[in-house]
Amino acid sequence: MLLDIRTSPEDKASSLAVNAKPVGEDGKASVVVEDDKMEGAPAFLTLIDAAGRVVLRAPVIIGGVGHV
């Protein structure tokens, strides 16, 4: 599984992350959004399976609670 952060969960081109990151065996992952102008913007944490399908999406605010 990969973790990404996107403005549109189904659109790979809408990724805001430097790179999608694999989810570790402990269930943890983190991604970096380099564009400071995106702070406070809505986005979706997006979990992607090995076939490239979105299996989970969660709305977030970039730089919001939990420093997403």
C-alpha atoms as a PDB file:
ATOM      1  CA  MET A   1       0.000   0.000   0.000  1.00  0.00           C
ATOM      2  CA  LEU A   2       1.059   3.569  -0.700  1.00  0.00           C
ATOM      3  CA  LEU A   3       0.037   6.780   1.038  1.00  0.00           C
ATOM      4  CA  ASP A   4      -0.451   9.922  -1.023  1.00  0.00           C
ATOM      5  CA  ILE A   5      -2.099  13.300  -0.445  1.00  0.00           C
ATOM      6  CA  ARG A   6      -4.227  14.567  -3.317  1.00  0.00           C
ATOM      7  CA  THR A   7      -6.705  17.277  -4.108  1.00  0.00           C
ATOM      8  CA  SER A   8      -8.799  14.686  -5.967  1.00  0.00           C
ATOM      9  CA  PRO A   9      -8.432  11.134  -4.596  1.00  0.00           C
ATOM     10  CA  GLU A  10      -8.938   9.322  -7.911  1.00  0.00           C
ATOM     11  CA  ASP A  11      -6.564  11.616  -9.858  1.00  0.00           C
ATOM     12  CA  LYS A  12      -2.899  10.659  -9.519  1.00  0.00           C
ATOM     13  CA  ALA A  13      -1.926  13.942 -11.197  1.00  0.00           C
ATOM     14  CA  SER A  14      -3.497  15.887  -8.308  1.00  0.00           C
ATOM     15  CA  SER A  15      -0.870  14.598  -5.857  1.00  0.00           C
ATOM     16  CA  LEU A  16       0.597  17.277  -3.605  1.00  0.00           C
ATOM     17  CA  ALA A  17       3.210  14.985  -2.065  1.00  0.00           C
ATOM     18  CA  VAL A  18       6.847  15.003  -3.098  1.00  0.00           C
ATOM     19  CA  ASN A  19       6.409  11.205  -3.488  1.00  0.00           C
ATOM     20  CA  ALA A  20       3.767   8.710  -2.449  1.00  0.00           C
ATOM     21  CA  LYS A  21       5.227   6.610   0.357  1.00  0.00           C
ATOM     22  CA  PRO A  22       4.807   2.928   1.237  1.00  0.00           C
ATOM     23  CA  VAL A  23       2.925   2.130   4.411  1.00  0.00           C
ATOM     24  CA  GLY A  24       5.248   0.354   6.827  1.00  0.00           C
ATOM     25  CA  GLU A  25       4.553  -2.986   8.440  1.00  0.00           C
ATOM     26  CA  ASP A  26       3.643  -1.026  11.570  1.00  0.00           C
ATOM     27  CA  GLY A  27       0.880   0.719   9.591  1.00  0.00           C
ATOM     28  CA  LYS A  28       2.665   4.078   9.582  1.00  0.00           C
ATOM     29  CA  ALA A  29       3.625   6.355   6.706  1.00  0.00           C
ATOM     30  CA  SER A  30       4.246  10.031   6.128  1.00  0.00           C
ATOM     31  CA  VAL A  31       4.317  12.276   3.084  1.00  0.00           C
ATOM     32  CA  VAL A  32       5.783  15.739   2.526  1.00  0.00           C
ATOM     33  CA  VAL A  33       4.025  18.664   0.830  1.00  0.00           C
ATOM     34  CA  GLU A  34       6.767  21.118  -0.132  1.00  0.00           C
ATOM     35  CA  ASP A  35       4.550  23.941  -1.421  1.00  0.00           C
ATOM     36  CA  ASP A  36       4.037  26.255   1.572  1.00  0.00           C
ATOM     37  CA  LYS A  37       1.169  27.943  -0.285  1.00  0.00           C
ATOM     38  CA  MET A  38      -0.873  24.754   0.238  1.00  0.00           C
ATOM     39  CA  GLU A  39      -0.929  25.175   4.031  1.00  0.00           C
ATOM     40  CA  GLY A  40      -4.561  25.350   5.138  1.00  0.00           C
ATOM     41  CA  ALA A  41      -5.845  23.867   1.874  1.00  0.00           C
ATOM     42  CA  PRO A  42      -8.230  20.915   1.841  1.00  0.00           C
ATOM     43  CA  ALA A  43      -6.925  17.633   0.463  1.00  0.00           C
ATOM     44  CA  PHE A  44      -7.375  13.874   0.844  1.00  0.00           C
ATOM     45  CA  LEU A  45      -5.048  11.349   2.402  1.00  0.00           C
ATOM     46  CA  THR A  46      -5.270   8.585  -0.162  1.00  0.00           C
ATOM     47  CA  LEU A  47      -4.339   4.935   0.366  1.00  0.00           C
ATOM     48  CA  ILE A  48      -3.492   3.102  -2.860  1.00  0.00           C
ATOM     49  CA  ASP A  49      -3.228  -0.664  -3.309  1.00  0.00           C
ATOM     50  CA  ALA A  50      -0.668  -2.568  -5.406  1.00  0.00           C
ATOM     51  CA  ALA A  51      -2.951  -2.393  -8.463  1.00  0.00           C
ATOM     52  CA  GLY A  52      -3.103   1.409  -8.205  1.00  0.00           C
ATOM     53  CA  ARG A  53      -6.682   1.495  -6.910  1.00  0.00           C
ATOM     54  CA  VAL A  54      -7.745   3.968  -4.239  1.00  0.00           C
ATOM     55  CA  VAL A  55      -8.890   1.886  -1.275  1.00  0.00           C
ATOM     56  CA  LEU A  56      -9.292   4.665   1.294  1.00  0.00           C
ATOM     57  CA  ARG A  57      -9.605   8.425   1.240  1.00  0.00           C
ATOM     58  CA  ALA A  58      -9.801  10.749   4.227  1.00  0.00           C
ATOM     59  CA  PRO A  59     -10.356  14.511   4.041  1.00  0.00           C
ATOM     60  CA  VAL A  60      -7.662  16.603   5.735  1.00  0.00           C
ATOM     61  CA  ILE A  61      -6.429  20.174   5.940  1.00  0.00           C
ATOM     62  CA  ILE A  62      -2.761  20.515   5.013  1.00  0.00           C
ATOM     63  CA  GLY A  63      -0.812  21.669   8.046  1.00  0.00           C
ATOM     64  CA  GLY A  64      -3.907  21.227  10.210  1.00  0.00           C
ATOM     65  CA  VAL A  65      -4.286  19.325  13.453  1.00  0.00           C
ATOM     66  CA  GLY A  66      -1.749  16.494  13.500  1.00  0.00           C
ATOM     67  CA  HIS A  67       0.412  18.394  10.979  1.00  0.00           C
ATOM     68  CA  VAL A  68      -0.940  16.592   7.948  1.00  0.00           C
END
